Amino acid sequence: MPHTLQVAYPKTADTTFDMTYYLDRHMALVRDTWGAGVAGVAVSADAGLDPQAPFHVIVTMEFTDRAALDTALGNSAPLMGDIANFYTGARAQVLIGEKLL
């Protein structure tokens, strides 16, 4: 069964988020670090329609199965170390799940 990893970056008055860095550098690092284990990626950003939107970005990564997810999580140190280069002021929220639909 496919598994997912969702990372949400809360948006508050105290946070900053560098979208250009995130898309160009961090997501390239994700591809280079986790490679073939990632079956799909969707990045959704605040469209500016709601001034109270709770997140800058939510990314959903799909893995072929639990083993692929576990392998990726075991090699996440380079990605965790990169977060401060694009996001400051709060901790990202993470949801690990099974894809149901």
C-alpha atoms as a PDB file:
ATOM      1  CA  MET A   1       0.000   0.000   0.000  1.00  0.00           C
ATOM      2  CA  PRO A   2       1.356   3.477  -0.841  1.00  0.00           C
ATOM      3  CA  HIS A   3       2.388   5.660   2.080  1.00  0.00           C
ATOM      4  CA  THR A   4       2.531   9.436   2.265  1.00  0.00           C
ATOM      5  CA  LEU A   5       4.559  12.021   4.092  1.00  0.00           C
ATOM      6  CA  GLN A   6       2.999  15.447   4.412  1.00  0.00           C
ATOM      7  CA  VAL A   7       4.939  18.426   5.720  1.00  0.00           C
ATOM      8  CA  ALA A   8       3.072  21.631   6.543  1.00  0.00           C
ATOM      9  CA  TYR A   9       4.906  24.875   7.255  1.00  0.00           C
ATOM     10  CA  PRO A  10       2.791  27.019   9.626  1.00  0.00           C
ATOM     11  CA  LYS A  11       2.302  30.657   8.697  1.00  0.00           C
ATOM     12  CA  THR A  12       2.382  33.176  11.535  1.00  0.00           C
ATOM     13  CA  ALA A  13       3.586  36.719  12.061  1.00  0.00           C
ATOM     14  CA  ASP A  14       6.883  35.220  13.282  1.00  0.00           C
ATOM     15  CA  THR A  15       7.619  32.919  10.331  1.00  0.00           C
ATOM     16  CA  THR A  16       9.473  33.461   7.087  1.00  0.00           C
ATOM     17  CA  PHE A  17       9.391  31.173   4.048  1.00  0.00           C
ATOM     18  CA  ASP A  18      11.632  31.504   0.975  1.00  0.00           C
ATOM     19  CA  MET A  19       9.588  29.889  -1.803  1.00  0.00           C
ATOM     20  CA  THR A  20      12.299  30.244  -4.460  1.00  0.00           C
ATOM     21  CA  TYR A  21      14.858  28.454  -2.305  1.00  0.00           C
ATOM     22  CA  TYR A  22      12.320  25.802  -1.346  1.00  0.00           C
ATOM     23  CA  LEU A  23      11.309  24.971  -4.912  1.00  0.00           C
ATOM     24  CA  ASP A  24      14.733  25.304  -6.548  1.00  0.00           C
ATOM     25  CA  ARG A  25      17.120  24.014  -3.886  1.00  0.00           C
ATOM     26  CA  HIS A  26      15.276  22.101  -1.168  1.00  0.00           C
ATOM     27  CA  MET A  27      13.068  20.065  -3.471  1.00  0.00           C
ATOM     28  CA  ALA A  28      16.145  19.258  -5.605  1.00  0.00           C
ATOM     29  CA  LEU A  29      17.794  18.013  -2.406  1.00  0.00           C
ATOM     30  CA  VAL A  30      14.731  15.862  -1.721  1.00  0.00           C
ATOM     31  CA  ARG A  31      15.049  14.312  -5.193  1.00  0.00           C
ATOM     32  CA  ASP A  32      18.792  13.790  -4.800  1.00  0.00           C
ATOM     33  CA  THR A  33      18.508  12.354  -1.277  1.00  0.00           C
ATOM     34  CA  TRP A  34      15.410  10.198  -1.551  1.00  0.00           C
ATOM     35  CA  GLY A  35      15.456   9.543  -5.301  1.00  0.00           C
ATOM     36  CA  ALA A  36      13.494   6.623  -6.646  1.00  0.00           C
ATOM     37  CA  GLY A  37      11.772   5.981  -3.322  1.00  0.00           C
ATOM     38  CA  VAL A  38       9.501   8.956  -3.947  1.00  0.00           C
ATOM     39  CA  ALA A  39       6.708   7.980  -6.334  1.00  0.00           C
ATOM     40  CA  GLY A  40       5.150  11.458  -6.494  1.00  0.00           C
ATOM     41  CA  VAL A  41       5.278  14.958  -5.057  1.00  0.00           C
ATOM     42  CA  ALA A  42       2.645  17.698  -4.783  1.00  0.00           C
ATOM     43  CA  VAL A  43       3.518  21.129  -3.400  1.00  0.00           C
ATOM     44  CA  SER A  44       0.583  23.381  -2.515  1.00  0.00           C
ATOM     45  CA  ALA A  45       1.158  27.001  -1.539  1.00  0.00           C
ATOM     46  CA  ASP A  46      -1.044  29.635   0.016  1.00  0.00           C
ATOM     47  CA  ALA A  47      -2.846  31.261  -2.926  1.00  0.00           C
ATOM     48  CA  GLY A  48      -3.358  34.513  -1.058  1.00  0.00           C
ATOM     49  CA  LEU A  49      -7.141  34.139  -0.951  1.00  0.00           C
ATOM     50  CA  ASP A  50      -7.334  33.893   2.826  1.00  0.00           C
ATOM     51  CA  PRO A  51      -5.280  36.360   4.876  1.00  0.00           C
ATOM     52  CA  GLN A  52      -5.605  33.960   7.811  1.00  0.00           C
ATOM     53  CA  ALA A  53      -4.299  30.919   5.886  1.00  0.00           C
ATOM     54  CA  PRO A  54      -2.555  28.684   8.436  1.00  0.00           C
ATOM     55  CA  PHE A  55       0.289  27.447   6.209  1.00  0.00           C
ATOM     56  CA  HIS A  56       2.841  28.820   3.761  1.00  0.00           C
ATOM     57  CA  VAL A  57       3.172  25.446   2.022  1.00  0.00           C
ATOM     58  CA  ILE A  58       2.006  21.866   2.384  1.00  0.00           C
ATOM     59  CA  VAL A  59       3.966  19.221   0.513  1.00  0.00           C
ATOM     60  CA  THR A  60       2.726  15.670   0.010  1.00  0.00           C
ATOM     61  CA  MET A  61       5.230  12.994  -0.961  1.00  0.00           C
ATOM     62  CA  GLU A  62       4.020   9.564  -1.957  1.00  0.00           C
ATOM     63  CA  PHE A  63       6.114   6.439  -1.471  1.00  0.00           C
ATOM     64  CA  THR A  64       5.457   3.094  -3.118  1.00  0.00           C
ATOM     65  CA  ASP A  65       5.195   1.323   0.228  1.00  0.00           C
ATOM     66  CA  ARG A  66       6.103   1.488   3.913  1.00  0.00           C
ATOM     67  CA  ALA A  67       9.607   0.152   3.273  1.00  0.00           C
ATOM     68  CA  ALA A  68      10.364   2.986   0.830  1.00  0.00           C
ATOM     69  CA  LEU A  69       9.089   5.535   3.361  1.00  0.00           C
ATOM     70  CA  ASP A  70      11.143   4.000   6.164  1.00  0.00           C
ATOM     71  CA  THR A  71      14.267   4.069   3.984  1.00  0.00           C
ATOM     72  CA  ALA A  72      13.697   7.734   3.180  1.00  0.00           C
ATOM     73  CA  LEU A  73      13.093   8.679   6.809  1.00  0.00           C
ATOM     74  CA  GLY A  74      16.304   6.913   7.767  1.00  0.00           C
ATOM     75  CA  ASN A  75      18.166   9.254   5.420  1.00  0.00           C
ATOM     76  CA  SER A  76      16.491  12.545   6.289  1.00  0.00           C
ATOM     77  CA  ALA A  77      19.353  14.344   8.084  1.00  0.00           C
ATOM     78  CA  PRO A  78      20.443  16.370   5.000  1.00  0.00           C
ATOM     79  CA  LEU A  79      16.855  17.539   4.471  1.00  0.00           C
ATOM     80  CA  MET A  80      16.282  18.440   8.107  1.00  0.00           C
ATOM     81  CA  GLY A  81      19.535  20.388   8.127  1.00  0.00           C
ATOM     82  CA  ASP A  82      18.391  22.431   5.135  1.00  0.00           C
ATOM     83  CA  ILE A  83      15.105  23.685   6.598  1.00  0.00           C
ATOM     84  CA  ALA A  84      16.633  26.751   8.263  1.00  0.00           C
ATOM     85  CA  ASN A  85      17.719  27.938   4.801  1.00  0.00           C
ATOM     86  CA  PHE A  86      14.102  28.550   3.740  1.00  0.00           C
ATOM     87  CA  TYR A  87      11.855  28.476   6.829  1.00  0.00           C
ATOM     88  CA  THR A  88      12.243  30.167  10.191  1.00  0.00           C
ATOM     89  CA  GLY A  89      10.113  31.021  13.189  1.00  0.00           C
ATOM     90  CA  ALA A  90       8.273  27.744  13.871  1.00  0.00           C
ATOM     91  CA  ARG A  91       8.525  23.992  13.498  1.00  0.00           C
ATOM     92  CA  ALA A  92       7.074  22.214  10.494  1.00  0.00           C
ATOM     93  CA  GLN A  93       4.186  19.826  11.132  1.00  0.00           C
ATOM     94  CA  VAL A  94       4.429  16.269   9.777  1.00  0.00           C
ATOM     95  CA  LEU A  95       1.791  13.660   9.004  1.00  0.00           C
ATOM     96  CA  ILE A  96       2.769  10.151   7.944  1.00  0.00           C
ATOM     97  CA  GLY A  97      -0.074   8.169   6.482  1.00  0.00           C
ATOM     98  CA  GLU A  98      -1.386   5.464   4.209  1.00  0.00           C
ATOM     99  CA  LYS A  99      -2.900   6.526   0.898  1.00  0.00           C
ATOM    100  CA  LEU A 100      -6.560   5.520   0.992  1.00  0.00           C
ATOM    101  CA  LEU A 101      -7.814   6.961  -2.331  1.00  0.00           C
END
